[in-house]
C-alpha atoms as a PDB file:
ATOM      1  CA  UNK A   1       0.000   0.000   0.000  1.00  0.00           C
ATOM      2  CA  UNK A   2       2.813   2.403   0.909  1.00  0.00           C
ATOM      3  CA  UNK A   3       4.580   1.648  -2.388  1.00  0.00           C
ATOM      4  CA  UNK A   4       1.430   2.529  -4.323  1.00  0.00           C
ATOM      5  CA  UNK A   5       1.106   5.862  -2.528  1.00  0.00           C
ATOM      6  CA  UNK A   6       4.779   6.650  -3.068  1.00  0.00           C
ATOM      7  CA  UNK A   7       4.542   5.863  -6.790  1.00  0.00           C
ATOM      8  CA  UNK A   8       1.374   7.935  -7.069  1.00  0.00           C
ATOM      9  CA  UNK A   9       3.072  10.888  -5.356  1.00  0.00           C
ATOM     10  CA  UNK A  10       6.082  10.599  -7.646  1.00  0.00           C
ATOM     11  CA  UNK A  11       3.833  10.427 -10.705  1.00  0.00           C
ATOM     12  CA  UNK A  12       1.935  13.547  -9.640  1.00  0.00           C
ATOM     13  CA  UNK A  13       5.158  15.448  -8.920  1.00  0.00           C
ATOM     14  CA  UNK A  14       6.646  14.410 -12.269  1.00  0.00           C
ATOM     15  CA  UNK A  15       3.498  15.399 -14.161  1.00  0.00           C
ATOM     16  CA  UNK A  16       3.383  18.765 -12.383  1.00  0.00           C
ATOM     17  CA  UNK A  17       7.003  19.535 -13.190  1.00  0.00           C
ATOM     18  CA  UNK A  18       6.566  18.312 -16.748  1.00  0.00           C
ATOM     19  CA  UNK A  19       3.715  20.748 -17.364  1.00  0.00           C
ATOM     20  CA  UNK A  20       5.524  23.719 -15.839  1.00  0.00           C
ATOM     21  CA  UNK A  21       8.670  23.394 -17.936  1.00  0.00           C
ATOM     22  CA  UNK A  22       7.192  24.108 -21.392  1.00  0.00           C
ATOM     23  CA  UNK A  23       5.539  27.321 -20.189  1.00  0.00           C
ATOM     24  CA  UNK A  24       8.873  28.776 -19.160  1.00  0.00           C
ATOM     25  CA  UNK A  25      10.845  27.324 -22.068  1.00  0.00           C
ATOM     26  CA  UNK A  26       9.848  29.897 -24.680  1.00  0.00           C
ATOM     27  CA  UNK A  27       8.356  33.217 -23.600  1.00  0.00           C
ATOM     28  CA  UNK A  28       6.273  33.763 -26.713  1.00  0.00           C
ATOM     29  CA  UNK A  29       4.783  30.304 -27.078  1.00  0.00           C
ATOM     30  CA  UNK A  30       1.786  31.630 -25.191  1.00  0.00           C
ATOM     31  CA  UNK A  31       1.459  34.601 -27.545  1.00  0.00           C
ATOM     32  CA  UNK A  32       1.811  32.402 -30.631  1.00  0.00           C
ATOM     33  CA  UNK A  33      -0.736  29.943 -29.228  1.00  0.00           C
ATOM     34  CA  UNK A  34      -3.207  32.752 -28.545  1.00  0.00           C
ATOM     35  CA  UNK A  35      -2.751  34.119 -32.065  1.00  0.00           C
ATOM     36  CA  UNK A  36      -3.377  30.671 -33.551  1.00  0.00           C
ATOM     37  CA  UNK A  37      -6.439  30.143 -31.363  1.00  0.00           C
ATOM     38  CA  UNK A  38      -7.908  33.517 -32.293  1.00  0.00           C
ATOM     39  CA  UNK A  39      -7.279  32.824 -35.962  1.00  0.00           C
ATOM     40  CA  UNK A  40      -9.124  29.500 -35.671  1.00  0.00           C
ATOM     41  CA  UNK A  41     -12.029  31.206 -33.907  1.00  0.00           C
ATOM     42  CA  UNK A  42     -12.230  33.800 -36.680  1.00  0.00           C
ATOM     43  CA  UNK A  43     -12.246  30.976 -39.250  1.00  0.00           C
ATOM     44  CA  UNK A  44     -15.057  29.266 -37.353  1.00  0.00           C
ATOM     45  CA  UNK A  45     -17.069  32.481 -37.168  1.00  0.00           C
ATOM     46  CA  UNK A  46     -16.638  32.990 -40.892  1.00  0.00           C
ATOM     47  CA  UNK A  47     -17.606  29.411 -41.783  1.00  0.00           C
ATOM     48  CA  UNK A  48     -20.614  29.391 -39.467  1.00  0.00           C
ATOM     49  CA  UNK A  49     -21.862  32.736 -40.726  1.00  0.00           C
ATOM     50  CA  UNK A  50     -21.683  34.366 -37.318  1.00  0.00           C
ATOM     51  CA  UNK A  51     -19.191  36.903 -38.661  1.00  0.00           C
ATOM     52  CA  UNK A  52     -19.814  39.158 -41.636  1.00  0.00           C
ATOM     53  CA  UNK A  53     -17.215  39.786 -44.320  1.00  0.00           C
ATOM     54  CA  UNK A  54     -16.338  43.177 -42.825  1.00  0.00           C
ATOM     55  CA  UNK A  55     -16.034  41.754 -39.311  1.00  0.00           C
ATOM     56  CA  UNK A  56     -13.669  39.022 -40.527  1.00  0.00           C
ATOM     57  CA  UNK A  57     -11.605  41.584 -42.444  1.00  0.00           C
ATOM     58  CA  UNK A  58     -11.304  43.890 -39.421  1.00  0.00           C
ATOM     59  CA  UNK A  59     -10.467  41.081 -36.975  1.00  0.00           C
ATOM     60  CA  UNK A  60      -7.830  39.637 -39.317  1.00  0.00           C
ATOM     61  CA  UNK A  61      -6.327  43.118 -39.694  1.00  0.00           C
ATOM     62  CA  UNK A  62      -6.143  43.519 -35.908  1.00  0.00           C
ATOM     63  CA  UNK A  63      -4.502  40.109 -35.564  1.00  0.00           C
ATOM     64  CA  UNK A  64      -2.036  40.923 -38.358  1.00  0.00           C
ATOM     65  CA  UNK A  65      -1.056  44.154 -36.589  1.00  0.00           C
ATOM     66  CA  UNK A  66      -0.284  42.196 -33.407  1.00  0.00           C
ATOM     67  CA  UNK A  67       1.795  39.772 -35.468  1.00  0.00           C
ATOM     68  CA  UNK A  68       3.803  42.594 -37.068  1.00  0.00           C
ATOM     69  CA  UNK A  69       4.324  44.225 -33.682  1.00  0.00           C
ATOM     70  CA  UNK A  70       5.511  40.912 -32.240  1.00  0.00           C
ATOM     71  CA  UNK A  71       8.030  40.574 -35.073  1.00  0.00           C
ATOM     72  CA  UNK A  72       9.307  44.101 -34.395  1.00  0.00           C
ATOM     73  CA  UNK A  73       9.543  43.513 -30.649  1.00  0.00           C
ATOM     74  CA  UNK A  74      11.247  40.142 -31.124  1.00  0.00           C
ATOM     75  CA  UNK A  75      14.244  41.602 -32.939  1.00  0.00           C
ATOM     76  CA  UNK A  76      15.826  42.560 -29.624  1.00  0.00           C
ATOM     77  CA  UNK A  77      14.104  39.879 -27.582  1.00  0.00           C
ATOM     78  CA  UNK A  78      10.776  40.349 -25.850  1.00  0.00           C
ATOM     79  CA  UNK A  79      10.927  42.077 -22.492  1.00  0.00           C
ATOM     80  CA  UNK A  80       8.175  42.071 -19.876  1.00  0.00           C
ATOM     81  CA  UNK A  81       6.549  45.313 -21.095  1.00  0.00           C
ATOM     82  CA  UNK A  82       6.489  44.157 -24.724  1.00  0.00           C
ATOM     83  CA  UNK A  83       4.980  40.802 -23.776  1.00  0.00           C
ATOM     84  CA  UNK A  84       2.369  42.601 -21.659  1.00  0.00           C
ATOM     85  CA  UNK A  85       1.569  44.950 -24.566  1.00  0.00           C
ATOM     86  CA  UNK A  86       1.106  42.031 -26.960  1.00  0.00           C
ATOM     87  CA  UNK A  87      -1.125  40.222 -24.478  1.00  0.00           C
ATOM     88  CA  UNK A  88      -3.188  43.379 -23.928  1.00  0.00           C
ATOM     89  CA  UNK A  89      -3.662  43.751 -27.682  1.00  0.00           C
ATOM     90  CA  UNK A  90      -4.626  40.072 -28.000  1.00  0.00           C
ATOM     91  CA  UNK A  91      -7.121  40.574 -25.162  1.00  0.00           C
ATOM     92  CA  UNK A  92      -8.688  43.380 -27.193  1.00  0.00           C
ATOM     93  CA  UNK A  93      -8.865  41.232 -30.335  1.00  0.00           C
ATOM     94  CA  UNK A  94     -10.466  38.453 -28.306  1.00  0.00           C
ATOM     95  CA  UNK A  95     -12.987  40.892 -26.804  1.00  0.00           C
ATOM     96  CA  UNK A  96     -13.859  42.243 -30.263  1.00  0.00           C
ATOM     97  CA  UNK A  97     -14.188  38.719 -31.647  1.00  0.00           C
ATOM     98  CA  UNK A  98     -16.588  37.672 -28.895  1.00  0.00           C
ATOM     99  CA  UNK A  99     -18.622  40.846 -29.325  1.00  0.00           C
ATOM    100  CA  UNK A 100     -18.898  40.350 -33.087  1.00  0.00           C
ATOM    101  CA  UNK A 101     -19.712  36.642 -32.769  1.00  0.00           C
ATOM    102  CA  UNK A 102     -22.612  37.445 -30.437  1.00  0.00           C
ATOM    103  CA  UNK A 103     -24.042  40.590 -32.052  1.00  0.00           C
ATOM    104  CA  UNK A 104     -26.698  38.547 -33.871  1.00  0.00           C
ATOM    105  CA  UNK A 105     -25.982  39.908 -37.313  1.00  0.00           C
ATOM    106  CA  UNK A 106     -25.128  37.433 -40.033  1.00  0.00           C
ATOM    107  CA  UNK A 107     -23.515  37.383 -43.394  1.00  0.00           C
ATOM    108  CA  UNK A 108     -26.818  37.519 -45.290  1.00  0.00           C
ATOM    109  CA  UNK A 109     -26.615  34.297 -47.311  1.00  0.00           C
ATOM    110  CA  UNK A 110     -29.302  32.322 -45.529  1.00  0.00           C
ATOM    111  CA  UNK A 111     -27.352  31.627 -42.369  1.00  0.00           C
ATOM    112  CA  UNK A 112     -29.418  32.661 -39.402  1.00  0.00           C
ATOM    113  CA  UNK A 113     -28.910  32.605 -35.675  1.00  0.00           C
ATOM    114  CA  UNK A 114     -30.832  30.134 -33.530  1.00  0.00           C
ATOM    115  CA  UNK A 115     -33.846  32.470 -33.363  1.00  0.00           C
ATOM    116  CA  UNK A 116     -34.141  32.817 -37.140  1.00  0.00           C
ATOM    117  CA  UNK A 117     -33.139  36.452 -37.338  1.00  0.00           C
END
């Protein structure tokens, strides 16, 4: 019984340490992951008709601006303030995306929201 508990404790400790290491390995993995996730959400909104053409265009433009800014910041290595600025800008893109996805307008080609509007 004691051996089982010891092995379980070791497994939990190993798993915990294993998950913490990748987060600190590369400082902009989180930023790149957020950009990819937002891009996928924009794609979904476009495919489902929840985003209009103009909304998709504007959101993609905002995301592209963050990407260009990240490239500029990365030339000298990202510092804390630059990483915070990028995350703040991604927060704004995410907020805008959620607002546009839930504003109940549609792209006008027969796709309607769940209430038929």
